[in-house]
Amino acid sequence: MARRIAAGAAYGGGGVGLVGAAAVGLLLAEAHLARRHVGNGSGGRVPVADGVYGHAYDIPGEPPLRLTMLGDSTAAGQGVHRSGQTPGALLASGLAAVAERPVELRNVALPGAQSDDLDRQVGLVLSSSVPVPDVCVIMIGANDVTRRMPPTRSVRHLSAAVRRLRTAGAEVVVGTCPDLGTIEPVQQPLRWLARRASRQLAAAQTIGVVEQGGRTVSLGDLLGPEFEANPRELFGPDNYHPSAEGYATAAMAVLPTVCAALGLWPAEEERPDVSRREGFLPVARAAAEAASEAGTEVTAAMPTGPRGPWALLKRRRRRRVPEAEPARPSV
């Protein structure tokens, strides 16, 4: 199904249904009840975290690395109260510690955004008035599922955004659609349908992103069985967005891939580890495996063969993300 969605996105196919028509009425009724208990991905104040992190690594004459966040409320950091708790600030602080170099963070993510807003966001990122980022992190997809955007359209917009950023010279890491089946107030059968739709979209996103030269990290249940096991700890007050602990868990899983994209991860970690079930797979199979296991990275590895493009699937060891220091405003 993920391969069909990605193919439809690439070649202009129509929408591919994620659930049968007979389930739509029940799905909408359950969704109406769920909305009475959870947020909708928009609204509320989002802390501003833009600025320079890693002041201790200042080197006169050497510019900071540039990190840009794009996507929806998860990328923006909605649901927490301090800028240092947002995923952008956590990633910037972690990247600065690994690179031993300051990191300038810019966040253009919009709460409530769907994948069709990425064109506008990429336009802001590639504006002639600012340098091209060294790396962009995109988190998108949840609102596409909840608002029933056709998955082929969703993947088409994401692939186009990755292509534009890669063409401009930026590395791109995409946190794929989270598992909406973990949202506590959502009941069955909506929980099962939401999980199925989320995973199918995440797998299709992986295929589209890898084919454009980007890397993906499966957000799944927001990166760890502990998210589902401890929802009251890892969800925020609205029971929809992550709490500070939830964002830290997500950042901890995304950081190694961001570092690897910039050539900052140890060389021995780049070789597939058979003991962790890593290896080279057809991209569609790698995408399906990643969608079912949170925290899994997929990146392009080999030219297209008889079974299509190949990818490297990795289960990187997570690195502790340091607590984000206050950012120094960008000059």
C-alpha atoms as a PDB file:
ATOM      1  CA  MET A   1       0.000   0.000   0.000  1.00  0.00           C
ATOM      2  CA  ALA A   2       2.825   2.410   0.829  1.00  0.00           C
ATOM      3  CA  ARG A   3       4.424   1.688  -2.545  1.00  0.00           C
ATOM      4  CA  ARG A   4       1.098   2.400  -4.309  1.00  0.00           C
ATOM      5  CA  ILE A   5       0.696   5.683  -2.414  1.00  0.00           C
ATOM      6  CA  ALA A   6       4.244   6.779  -3.238  1.00  0.00           C
ATOM      7  CA  ALA A   7       3.841   5.776  -6.876  1.00  0.00           C
ATOM      8  CA  GLY A   8       0.591   7.708  -7.088  1.00  0.00           C
ATOM      9  CA  ALA A   9       2.332  10.747  -5.626  1.00  0.00           C
ATOM     10  CA  ALA A  10       5.243  10.485  -8.056  1.00  0.00           C
ATOM     11  CA  TYR A  11       3.210   9.865 -11.196  1.00  0.00           C
ATOM     12  CA  GLY A  12       0.109  11.895 -10.490  1.00  0.00           C
ATOM     13  CA  GLY A  13      -2.227   9.091  -9.497  1.00  0.00           C
ATOM     14  CA  GLY A  14      -5.443   9.669  -7.611  1.00  0.00           C
ATOM     15  CA  GLY A  15      -6.045   9.157  -3.933  1.00  0.00           C
ATOM     16  CA  VAL A  16      -5.585   5.728  -2.421  1.00  0.00           C
ATOM     17  CA  GLY A  17      -8.156   4.949   0.260  1.00  0.00           C
ATOM     18  CA  LEU A  18      -6.720   3.992   3.638  1.00  0.00           C
ATOM     19  CA  VAL A  19     -10.011   2.658   5.014  1.00  0.00           C
ATOM     20  CA  GLY A  20     -13.082   1.166   3.389  1.00  0.00           C
ATOM     21  CA  ALA A  21     -16.117   3.313   2.656  1.00  0.00           C
ATOM     22  CA  ALA A  22     -18.211   1.292   5.118  1.00  0.00           C
ATOM     23  CA  ALA A  23     -15.960   2.459   7.948  1.00  0.00           C
ATOM     24  CA  VAL A  24     -16.234   6.167   7.175  1.00  0.00           C
ATOM     25  CA  GLY A  25     -19.454   6.816   9.126  1.00  0.00           C
ATOM     26  CA  LEU A  26     -18.149   5.066  12.213  1.00  0.00           C
ATOM     27  CA  LEU A  27     -14.792   6.790  11.857  1.00  0.00           C
ATOM     28  CA  LEU A  28     -16.400  10.244  11.731  1.00  0.00           C
ATOM     29  CA  ALA A  29     -18.604   9.519  14.748  1.00  0.00           C
ATOM     30  CA  GLU A  30     -15.636   8.336  16.795  1.00  0.00           C
ATOM     31  CA  ALA A  31     -13.570  11.302  15.610  1.00  0.00           C
ATOM     32  CA  HIS A  32     -16.269  13.714  16.782  1.00  0.00           C
ATOM     33  CA  LEU A  33     -16.124  12.192  20.271  1.00  0.00           C
ATOM     34  CA  ALA A  34     -12.333  12.241  20.286  1.00  0.00           C
ATOM     35  CA  ARG A  35     -12.197  15.939  19.391  1.00  0.00           C
ATOM     36  CA  ARG A  36     -14.132  16.734  22.547  1.00  0.00           C
ATOM     37  CA  HIS A  37     -11.205  15.390  24.582  1.00  0.00           C
ATOM     38  CA  VAL A  38      -8.085  16.342  22.635  1.00  0.00           C
ATOM     39  CA  GLY A  39      -6.607  19.326  20.838  1.00  0.00           C
ATOM     40  CA  ASN A  40      -6.697  19.591  17.060  1.00  0.00           C
ATOM     41  CA  GLY A  41      -3.077  20.437  16.325  1.00  0.00           C
ATOM     42  CA  SER A  42      -3.574  24.198  16.163  1.00  0.00           C
ATOM     43  CA  GLY A  43      -4.090  27.133  18.469  1.00  0.00           C
ATOM     44  CA  GLY A  44      -2.306  27.950  21.701  1.00  0.00           C
ATOM     45  CA  ARG A  45       0.945  29.764  22.291  1.00  0.00           C
ATOM     46  CA  VAL A  46       4.127  28.198  20.914  1.00  0.00           C
ATOM     47  CA  PRO A  47       7.425  29.225  22.580  1.00  0.00           C
ATOM     48  CA  VAL A  48       9.833  31.049  20.271  1.00  0.00           C
ATOM     49  CA  ALA A  49      13.135  29.164  20.298  1.00  0.00           C
ATOM     50  CA  ASP A  50      14.963  30.810  17.378  1.00  0.00           C
ATOM     51  CA  GLY A  51      18.526  31.847  18.094  1.00  0.00           C
ATOM     52  CA  VAL A  52      22.055  30.508  18.546  1.00  0.00           C
ATOM     53  CA  TYR A  53      22.800  27.550  20.843  1.00  0.00           C
ATOM     54  CA  GLY A  54      26.164  26.301  22.098  1.00  0.00           C
ATOM     55  CA  HIS A  55      27.767  29.609  23.090  1.00  0.00           C
ATOM     56  CA  ALA A  56      30.630  27.725  24.756  1.00  0.00           C
ATOM     57  CA  TYR A  57      31.856  26.576  21.346  1.00  0.00           C
ATOM     58  CA  ASP A  58      32.191  30.033  19.795  1.00  0.00           C
ATOM     59  CA  ILE A  59      35.208  30.276  17.490  1.00  0.00           C
ATOM     60  CA  PRO A  60      35.954  33.752  16.095  1.00  0.00           C
ATOM     61  CA  GLY A  61      35.422  33.838  12.359  1.00  0.00           C
ATOM     62  CA  GLU A  62      33.658  30.451  12.147  1.00  0.00           C
ATOM     63  CA  PRO A  63      29.918  30.677  11.426  1.00  0.00           C
ATOM     64  CA  PRO A  64      27.495  28.466  13.337  1.00  0.00           C
ATOM     65  CA  LEU A  65      25.825  25.460  11.791  1.00  0.00           C
ATOM     66  CA  ARG A  66      22.338  26.325  10.578  1.00  0.00           C
ATOM     67  CA  LEU A  67      19.384  24.117  11.595  1.00  0.00           C
ATOM     68  CA  THR A  68      15.839  24.812  10.393  1.00  0.00           C
ATOM     69  CA  MET A  69      12.622  23.164  11.572  1.00  0.00           C
ATOM     70  CA  LEU A  70       9.630  22.810   9.239  1.00  0.00           C
ATOM     71  CA  GLY A  71       6.254  21.118   9.588  1.00  0.00           C
ATOM     72  CA  ASP A  72       3.307  21.216  11.966  1.00  0.00           C
ATOM     73  CA  SER A  73       2.696  21.760  15.681  1.00  0.00           C
ATOM     74  CA  THR A  74       5.044  18.922  16.636  1.00  0.00           C
ATOM     75  CA  ALA A  75       7.938  20.599  14.824  1.00  0.00           C
ATOM     76  CA  ALA A  76       6.948  23.971  16.283  1.00  0.00           C
ATOM     77  CA  GLY A  77       6.884  22.608  19.839  1.00  0.00           C
ATOM     78  CA  GLN A  78       3.266  23.267  20.756  1.00  0.00           C
ATOM     79  CA  GLY A  79       2.259  21.911  24.138  1.00  0.00           C
ATOM     80  CA  VAL A  80       5.229  23.116  26.223  1.00  0.00           C
ATOM     81  CA  HIS A  81       5.780  26.426  27.965  1.00  0.00           C
ATOM     82  CA  ARG A  82       9.512  27.126  27.633  1.00  0.00           C
ATOM     83  CA  SER A  83      11.539  27.539  24.447  1.00  0.00           C
ATOM     84  CA  GLY A  84      14.210  25.153  25.734  1.00  0.00           C
ATOM     85  CA  GLN A  85      11.621  22.343  25.827  1.00  0.00           C
ATOM     86  CA  THR A  86      10.813  22.506  22.110  1.00  0.00           C
ATOM     87  CA  PRO A  87      12.280  19.863  19.787  1.00  0.00           C
ATOM     88  CA  GLY A  88      14.120  22.520  17.788  1.00  0.00           C
ATOM     89  CA  ALA A  89      15.933  23.866  20.843  1.00  0.00           C
ATOM     90  CA  LEU A  90      16.747  20.361  22.059  1.00  0.00           C
ATOM     91  CA  LEU A  91      18.115  19.335  18.656  1.00  0.00           C
ATOM     92  CA  ALA A  92      20.128  22.560  18.343  1.00  0.00           C
ATOM     93  CA  SER A  93      21.708  22.045  21.778  1.00  0.00           C
ATOM     94  CA  GLY A  94      22.439  18.380  21.063  1.00  0.00           C
ATOM     95  CA  LEU A  95      23.918  19.138  17.647  1.00  0.00           C
ATOM     96  CA  ALA A  96      26.116  21.858  19.139  1.00  0.00           C
ATOM     97  CA  ALA A  97      27.450  19.421  21.741  1.00  0.00           C
ATOM     98  CA  VAL A  98      28.274  16.759  19.130  1.00  0.00           C
ATOM     99  CA  ALA A  99      29.770  19.191  16.584  1.00  0.00           C
ATOM    100  CA  GLU A 100      31.436  21.345  19.281  1.00  0.00           C
ATOM    101  CA  ARG A 101      30.233  24.291  17.285  1.00  0.00           C
ATOM    102  CA  PRO A 102      27.400  26.800  17.784  1.00  0.00           C
ATOM    103  CA  VAL A 103      24.114  26.056  16.048  1.00  0.00           C
ATOM    104  CA  GLU A 104      21.716  28.699  14.762  1.00  0.00           C
ATOM    105  CA  LEU A 105      18.095  27.549  14.949  1.00  0.00           C
ATOM    106  CA  ARG A 106      15.282  28.865  12.793  1.00  0.00           C
ATOM    107  CA  ASN A 107      11.758  27.470  13.042  1.00  0.00           C
ATOM    108  CA  VAL A 108       9.182  28.092  10.298  1.00  0.00           C
ATOM    109  CA  ALA A 109       6.807  25.281  11.332  1.00  0.00           C
ATOM    110  CA  LEU A 110       3.123  26.191  11.659  1.00  0.00           C
ATOM    111  CA  PRO A 111       0.732  24.580  14.169  1.00  0.00           C
ATOM    112  CA  GLY A 112      -2.135  22.965  12.293  1.00  0.00           C
ATOM    113  CA  ALA A 113      -0.163  22.753   9.043  1.00  0.00           C
ATOM    114  CA  GLN A 114      -0.719  19.995   6.527  1.00  0.00           C
ATOM    115  CA  SER A 115       1.797  18.896   3.923  1.00  0.00           C
ATOM    116  CA  ASP A 116       0.496  21.393   1.367  1.00  0.00           C
ATOM    117  CA  ASP A 117       1.867  24.205   3.578  1.00  0.00           C
ATOM    118  CA  LEU A 118       5.417  22.956   3.053  1.00  0.00           C
ATOM    119  CA  ASP A 119       5.670  24.847  -0.233  1.00  0.00           C
ATOM    120  CA  ARG A 120       5.195  28.118   1.651  1.00  0.00           C
ATOM    121  CA  GLN A 121       7.569  27.085   4.432  1.00  0.00           C
ATOM    122  CA  VAL A 122      10.303  26.039   2.005  1.00  0.00           C
ATOM    123  CA  GLY A 123       9.873  29.391   0.268  1.00  0.00           C
ATOM    124  CA  LEU A 124      10.665  31.111   3.571  1.00  0.00           C
ATOM    125  CA  VAL A 125      13.678  28.873   4.158  1.00  0.00           C
ATOM    126  CA  LEU A 126      15.131  29.474   0.690  1.00  0.00           C
ATOM    127  CA  SER A 127      14.527  33.213   0.695  1.00  0.00           C
ATOM    128  CA  SER A 128      17.458  35.096  -0.786  1.00  0.00           C
ATOM    129  CA  SER A 129      17.768  37.112   2.428  1.00  0.00           C
ATOM    130  CA  VAL A 130      18.962  34.133   4.524  1.00  0.00           C
ATOM    131  CA  PRO A 131      21.687  31.508   3.957  1.00  0.00           C
ATOM    132  CA  VAL A 132      20.654  27.978   2.987  1.00  0.00           C
ATOM    133  CA  PRO A 133      20.495  25.802   6.132  1.00  0.00           C
ATOM    134  CA  ASP A 134      23.039  23.055   6.670  1.00  0.00           C
ATOM    135  CA  VAL A 135      20.246  20.711   7.723  1.00  0.00           C
ATOM    136  CA  CYS A 136      16.446  20.865   7.772  1.00  0.00           C
ATOM    137  CA  VAL A 137      14.229  18.727  10.004  1.00  0.00           C
ATOM    138  CA  ILE A 138      10.632  18.240   8.872  1.00  0.00           C
ATOM    139  CA  MET A 139       7.877  16.790  11.073  1.00  0.00           C
ATOM    140  CA  ILE A 140       4.564  16.491   9.227  1.00  0.00           C
ATOM    141  CA  GLY A 141       1.659  14.162   8.560  1.00  0.00           C
ATOM    142  CA  ALA A 142      -0.637  13.939  11.582  1.00  0.00           C
ATOM    143  CA  ASN A 143      -2.996  16.659  10.348  1.00  0.00           C
ATOM    144  CA  ASP A 144      -3.053  15.052   6.895  1.00  0.00           C
ATOM    145  CA  VAL A 145      -4.541  11.932   8.485  1.00  0.00           C
ATOM    146  CA  THR A 146      -6.992  13.654  10.821  1.00  0.00           C
ATOM    147  CA  ARG A 147      -8.234  15.980   8.060  1.00  0.00           C
ATOM    148  CA  ARG A 148      -8.302  13.208   5.467  1.00  0.00           C
ATOM    149  CA  MET A 149      -5.910  14.671   2.909  1.00  0.00           C
ATOM    150  CA  PRO A 150      -5.428  12.044   0.163  1.00  0.00           C
ATOM    151  CA  PRO A 151      -2.151  10.302   1.003  1.00  0.00           C
ATOM    152  CA  THR A 152      -0.852  10.591  -2.554  1.00  0.00           C
ATOM    153  CA  ARG A 153      -1.279  14.355  -2.334  1.00  0.00           C
ATOM    154  CA  SER A 154       0.382  14.427   1.087  1.00  0.00           C
ATOM    155  CA  VAL A 155       3.447  12.527  -0.131  1.00  0.00           C
ATOM    156  CA  ARG A 156       3.624  14.590  -3.319  1.00  0.00           C
ATOM    157  CA  HIS A 157       3.931  17.836  -1.324  1.00  0.00           C
ATOM    158  CA  LEU A 158       6.511  16.366   1.054  1.00  0.00           C
ATOM    159  CA  SER A 159       8.618  14.933  -1.783  1.00  0.00           C
ATOM    160  CA  ALA A 160       8.581  18.269  -3.592  1.00  0.00           C
ATOM    161  CA  ALA A 161       9.717  20.068  -0.429  1.00  0.00           C
ATOM    162  CA  VAL A 162      12.591  17.628   0.122  1.00  0.00           C
ATOM    163  CA  ARG A 163      13.635  17.930  -3.523  1.00  0.00           C
ATOM    164  CA  ARG A 164      13.759  21.741  -3.345  1.00  0.00           C
ATOM    165  CA  LEU A 165      15.787  21.724  -0.129  1.00  0.00           C
ATOM    166  CA  ARG A 166      18.217  19.076  -1.371  1.00  0.00           C
ATOM    167  CA  THR A 167      18.667  20.903  -4.681  1.00  0.00           C
ATOM    168  CA  ALA A 168      19.533  24.049  -2.716  1.00  0.00           C
ATOM    169  CA  GLY A 169      22.234  22.122  -0.826  1.00  0.00           C
ATOM    170  CA  ALA A 170      20.579  21.389   2.523  1.00  0.00           C
ATOM    171  CA  GLU A 171      20.566  17.982   4.191  1.00  0.00           C
ATOM    172  CA  VAL A 172      17.027  16.878   5.042  1.00  0.00           C
ATOM    173  CA  VAL A 173      15.764  14.646   7.861  1.00  0.00           C
ATOM    174  CA  VAL A 174      12.043  13.886   8.035  1.00  0.00           C
ATOM    175  CA  GLY A 175      10.282  12.647  11.133  1.00  0.00           C
ATOM    176  CA  THR A 176       7.462  10.650   9.557  1.00  0.00           C
ATOM    177  CA  CYS A 177       3.805  10.694  10.575  1.00  0.00           C
ATOM    178  CA  PRO A 178       3.395   9.746  14.247  1.00  0.00           C
ATOM    179  CA  ASP A 179       1.154   6.887  15.320  1.00  0.00           C
ATOM    180  CA  LEU A 180      -2.173   8.550  16.081  1.00  0.00           C
ATOM    181  CA  GLY A 181      -3.376   5.285  17.589  1.00  0.00           C
ATOM    182  CA  THR A 182      -1.465   6.172  20.759  1.00  0.00           C
ATOM    183  CA  ILE A 183      -3.625   9.210  21.564  1.00  0.00           C
ATOM    184  CA  GLU A 184      -5.222   8.210  24.841  1.00  0.00           C
ATOM    185  CA  PRO A 185      -8.838   9.467  24.413  1.00  0.00           C
ATOM    186  CA  VAL A 186      -9.219   7.807  20.986  1.00  0.00           C
ATOM    187  CA  GLN A 187     -11.315   4.649  21.283  1.00  0.00           C
ATOM    188  CA  GLN A 188     -11.638   1.564  19.126  1.00  0.00           C
ATOM    189  CA  PRO A 189     -12.203   1.132  16.246  1.00  0.00           C
ATOM    190  CA  LEU A 190     -10.909   4.646  15.520  1.00  0.00           C
ATOM    191  CA  ARG A 191      -7.683   3.812  17.340  1.00  0.00           C
ATOM    192  CA  TRP A 192      -7.008   0.869  15.003  1.00  0.00           C
ATOM    193  CA  LEU A 193      -7.955   2.862  11.903  1.00  0.00           C
ATOM    194  CA  ALA A 194      -5.828   5.818  12.976  1.00  0.00           C
ATOM    195  CA  ARG A 195      -2.849   3.532  13.605  1.00  0.00           C
ATOM    196  CA  ARG A 196      -3.248   1.851  10.223  1.00  0.00           C
ATOM    197  CA  ALA A 197      -3.601   5.148   8.350  1.00  0.00           C
ATOM    198  CA  SER A 198      -0.667   6.710  10.221  1.00  0.00           C
ATOM    199  CA  ARG A 199       1.677   3.804   9.503  1.00  0.00           C
ATOM    200  CA  GLN A 200       0.707   3.597   5.843  1.00  0.00           C
ATOM    201  CA  LEU A 201       1.351   7.307   5.407  1.00  0.00           C
ATOM    202  CA  ALA A 202       4.660   7.086   7.314  1.00  0.00           C
ATOM    203  CA  ALA A 203       5.865   4.270   5.058  1.00  0.00           C
ATOM    204  CA  ALA A 204       4.821   6.151   1.920  1.00  0.00           C
ATOM    205  CA  GLN A 205       6.536   9.306   3.209  1.00  0.00           C
ATOM    206  CA  THR A 206       9.733   7.298   3.692  1.00  0.00           C
ATOM    207  CA  ILE A 207       9.700   6.062   0.100  1.00  0.00           C
ATOM    208  CA  GLY A 208       9.105   9.574  -1.255  1.00  0.00           C
ATOM    209  CA  VAL A 209      11.754  11.219   0.943  1.00  0.00           C
ATOM    210  CA  VAL A 210      14.483   8.636   0.314  1.00  0.00           C
ATOM    211  CA  GLU A 211      13.919   8.842  -3.441  1.00  0.00           C
ATOM    212  CA  GLN A 212      14.608  12.598  -3.200  1.00  0.00           C
ATOM    213  CA  GLY A 213      17.856  12.150  -1.254  1.00  0.00           C
ATOM    214  CA  GLY A 214      16.569  12.758   2.259  1.00  0.00           C
ATOM    215  CA  ARG A 215      16.616  10.603   5.384  1.00  0.00           C
ATOM    216  CA  THR A 216      13.685   9.591   7.547  1.00  0.00           C
ATOM    217  CA  VAL A 217      13.247   8.661  11.194  1.00  0.00           C
ATOM    218  CA  SER A 218      10.074   6.841  12.179  1.00  0.00           C
ATOM    219  CA  LEU A 219       8.304   8.816  14.892  1.00  0.00           C
ATOM    220  CA  GLY A 220       5.807   5.999  15.306  1.00  0.00           C
ATOM    221  CA  ASP A 221       4.403   6.288  18.829  1.00  0.00           C
ATOM    222  CA  LEU A 222       6.668   9.325  19.236  1.00  0.00           C
ATOM    223  CA  LEU A 223       9.751   7.230  19.545  1.00  0.00           C
ATOM    224  CA  GLY A 224       9.518   4.579  22.158  1.00  0.00           C
ATOM    225  CA  PRO A 225       7.183   2.080  23.794  1.00  0.00           C
ATOM    226  CA  GLU A 226       7.323   4.292  26.862  1.00  0.00           C
ATOM    227  CA  PHE A 227       5.098   6.822  25.048  1.00  0.00           C
ATOM    228  CA  GLU A 228       2.196   4.392  24.934  1.00  0.00           C
ATOM    229  CA  ALA A 229       3.047   2.842  28.287  1.00  0.00           C
ATOM    230  CA  ASN A 230       3.199   6.237  30.063  1.00  0.00           C
ATOM    231  CA  PRO A 231       0.791   8.504  28.191  1.00  0.00           C
ATOM    232  CA  ARG A 232       0.142  10.742  31.201  1.00  0.00           C
ATOM    233  CA  GLU A 233       3.867  11.441  31.469  1.00  0.00           C
ATOM    234  CA  LEU A 234       4.677  11.866  27.791  1.00  0.00           C
ATOM    235  CA  PHE A 235       1.534  13.620  26.547  1.00  0.00           C
ATOM    236  CA  GLY A 236       0.941  17.289  27.301  1.00  0.00           C
ATOM    237  CA  PRO A 237      -2.063  18.795  29.105  1.00  0.00           C
ATOM    238  CA  ASP A 238      -4.243  18.666  25.946  1.00  0.00           C
ATOM    239  CA  ASN A 239      -3.690  14.874  25.615  1.00  0.00           C
ATOM    240  CA  TYR A 240      -2.637  15.423  22.004  1.00  0.00           C
ATOM    241  CA  HIS A 241       0.724  17.170  21.860  1.00  0.00           C
ATOM    242  CA  PRO A 242       3.824  15.761  23.559  1.00  0.00           C
ATOM    243  CA  SER A 243       4.926  17.047  26.931  1.00  0.00           C
ATOM    244  CA  ALA A 244       8.476  18.266  27.552  1.00  0.00           C
ATOM    245  CA  GLU A 245       9.489  14.641  28.264  1.00  0.00           C
ATOM    246  CA  GLY A 246       7.811  13.498  25.050  1.00  0.00           C
ATOM    247  CA  TYR A 247       9.656  16.063  22.934  1.00  0.00           C
ATOM    248  CA  ALA A 248      12.943  15.125  24.593  1.00  0.00           C
ATOM    249  CA  THR A 249      12.290  11.483  23.699  1.00  0.00           C
ATOM    250  CA  ALA A 250      11.631  12.441  20.087  1.00  0.00           C
ATOM    251  CA  ALA A 251      14.713  14.678  19.883  1.00  0.00           C
ATOM    252  CA  MET A 252      16.882  11.921  21.366  1.00  0.00           C
ATOM    253  CA  ALA A 253      15.920   9.623  18.488  1.00  0.00           C
ATOM    254  CA  VAL A 254      16.193  12.203  15.690  1.00  0.00           C
ATOM    255  CA  LEU A 255      19.538  13.677  16.790  1.00  0.00           C
ATOM    256  CA  PRO A 256      21.768  10.774  15.631  1.00  0.00           C
ATOM    257  CA  THR A 257      20.317  10.964  12.116  1.00  0.00           C
ATOM    258  CA  VAL A 258      20.798  14.746  11.982  1.00  0.00           C
ATOM    259  CA  CYS A 259      24.430  14.270  13.043  1.00  0.00           C
ATOM    260  CA  ALA A 260      24.961  11.465  10.532  1.00  0.00           C
ATOM    261  CA  ALA A 261      23.537  13.617   7.726  1.00  0.00           C
ATOM    262  CA  LEU A 262      26.222  16.216   8.524  1.00  0.00           C
ATOM    263  CA  GLY A 263      29.018  13.648   8.766  1.00  0.00           C
ATOM    264  CA  LEU A 264      29.348  14.061  12.524  1.00  0.00           C
ATOM    265  CA  TRP A 265      28.514  10.524  13.671  1.00  0.00           C
ATOM    266  CA  PRO A 266      31.310   7.986  14.352  1.00  0.00           C
ATOM    267  CA  ALA A 267      32.334   6.106  11.214  1.00  0.00           C
ATOM    268  CA  GLU A 268      31.808   2.710  12.849  1.00  0.00           C
ATOM    269  CA  GLU A 269      28.166   3.629  13.458  1.00  0.00           C
ATOM    270  CA  GLU A 270      27.607   4.068   9.719  1.00  0.00           C
ATOM    271  CA  ARG A 271      28.179   0.391   8.988  1.00  0.00           C
ATOM    272  CA  PRO A 272      25.065  -1.797   9.344  1.00  0.00           C
ATOM    273  CA  ASP A 273      25.025  -3.838  12.541  1.00  0.00           C
ATOM    274  CA  VAL A 274      23.517  -7.271  11.945  1.00  0.00           C
ATOM    275  CA  SER A 275      22.944  -7.742  15.682  1.00  0.00           C
ATOM    276  CA  ARG A 276      20.524  -4.781  15.569  1.00  0.00           C
ATOM    277  CA  ARG A 277      18.840  -6.150  12.409  1.00  0.00           C
ATOM    278  CA  GLU A 278      20.250  -3.380  10.232  1.00  0.00           C
ATOM    279  CA  GLY A 279      20.979  -3.797   6.564  1.00  0.00           C
ATOM    280  CA  PHE A 280      20.279  -2.971   2.927  1.00  0.00           C
ATOM    281  CA  LEU A 281      16.698  -3.534   1.745  1.00  0.00           C
ATOM    282  CA  PRO A 282      14.440  -2.509  -1.132  1.00  0.00           C
ATOM    283  CA  VAL A 283      13.179   0.911  -0.095  1.00  0.00           C
ATOM    284  CA  ALA A 284       9.529  -0.194   0.141  1.00  0.00           C
ATOM    285  CA  ARG A 285      10.413  -3.023   2.536  1.00  0.00           C
ATOM    286  CA  ALA A 286      12.665  -0.746   4.597  1.00  0.00           C
ATOM    287  CA  ALA A 287       9.853   1.811   4.769  1.00  0.00           C
ATOM    288  CA  ALA A 288       7.363  -0.779   6.004  1.00  0.00           C
ATOM    289  CA  GLU A 289       9.745  -2.023   8.692  1.00  0.00           C
ATOM    290  CA  ALA A 290      10.531   1.522   9.836  1.00  0.00           C
ATOM    291  CA  ALA A 291       6.843   2.438  10.067  1.00  0.00           C
ATOM    292  CA  SER A 292       6.260  -0.428  12.495  1.00  0.00           C
ATOM    293  CA  GLU A 293       9.271   0.339  14.715  1.00  0.00           C
ATOM    294  CA  ALA A 294       9.717   3.820  16.111  1.00  0.00           C
ATOM    295  CA  GLY A 295      13.142   5.427  15.977  1.00  0.00           C
ATOM    296  CA  THR A 296      14.245   3.565  12.839  1.00  0.00           C
ATOM    297  CA  GLU A 297      16.225   5.470  10.194  1.00  0.00           C
ATOM    298  CA  VAL A 298      16.011   4.917   6.445  1.00  0.00           C
ATOM    299  CA  THR A 299      18.390   6.511   3.950  1.00  0.00           C
ATOM    300  CA  ALA A 300      19.204   5.933   0.277  1.00  0.00           C
ATOM    301  CA  ALA A 301      21.980   3.420  -0.244  1.00  0.00           C
ATOM    302  CA  MET A 302      22.165   1.964  -3.744  1.00  0.00           C
ATOM    303  CA  PRO A 303      21.065   2.807  -7.293  1.00  0.00           C
ATOM    304  CA  THR A 304      17.762   1.481  -8.542  1.00  0.00           C
ATOM    305  CA  GLY A 305      17.808  -2.228  -9.325  1.00  0.00           C
ATOM    306  CA  PRO A 306      15.263  -4.798 -10.535  1.00  0.00           C
ATOM    307  CA  ARG A 307      13.347  -4.453  -7.252  1.00  0.00           C
ATOM    308  CA  GLY A 308      13.490  -0.675  -7.224  1.00  0.00           C
ATOM    309  CA  PRO A 309      15.642   1.691  -5.121  1.00  0.00           C
ATOM    310  CA  TRP A 310      17.542   0.241  -2.161  1.00  0.00           C
ATOM    311  CA  ALA A 311      17.935   1.816   1.238  1.00  0.00           C
ATOM    312  CA  LEU A 312      19.924   1.343   4.414  1.00  0.00           C
ATOM    313  CA  LEU A 313      17.793   0.653   7.467  1.00  0.00           C
ATOM    314  CA  LYS A 314      19.445   1.550  10.775  1.00  0.00           C
ATOM    315  CA  ARG A 315      18.411   1.395  14.391  1.00  0.00           C
ATOM    316  CA  ARG A 316      20.837   3.952  15.787  1.00  0.00           C
ATOM    317  CA  ARG A 317      21.723   4.087  19.435  1.00  0.00           C
ATOM    318  CA  ARG A 318      20.000   7.090  20.896  1.00  0.00           C
ATOM    319  CA  ARG A 319      22.150   9.822  22.341  1.00  0.00           C
ATOM    320  CA  ARG A 320      21.101  11.721  25.422  1.00  0.00           C
ATOM    321  CA  VAL A 321      20.019  15.215  24.429  1.00  0.00           C
ATOM    322  CA  PRO A 322      21.407  17.894  26.759  1.00  0.00           C
ATOM    323  CA  GLU A 323      18.988  20.348  28.306  1.00  0.00           C
ATOM    324  CA  ALA A 324      18.704  23.334  26.004  1.00  0.00           C
ATOM    325  CA  GLU A 325      20.331  26.503  27.245  1.00  0.00           C
ATOM    326  CA  PRO A 326      18.712  29.886  26.570  1.00  0.00           C
ATOM    327  CA  ALA A 327      19.273  30.868  22.982  1.00  0.00           C
ATOM    328  CA  ARG A 328      21.218  33.953  22.016  1.00  0.00           C
ATOM    329  CA  PRO A 329      19.120  35.917  19.488  1.00  0.00           C
ATOM    330  CA  SER A 330      20.322  35.604  15.892  1.00  0.00           C
ATOM    331  CA  VAL A 331      22.095  38.649  14.541  1.00  0.00           C
END
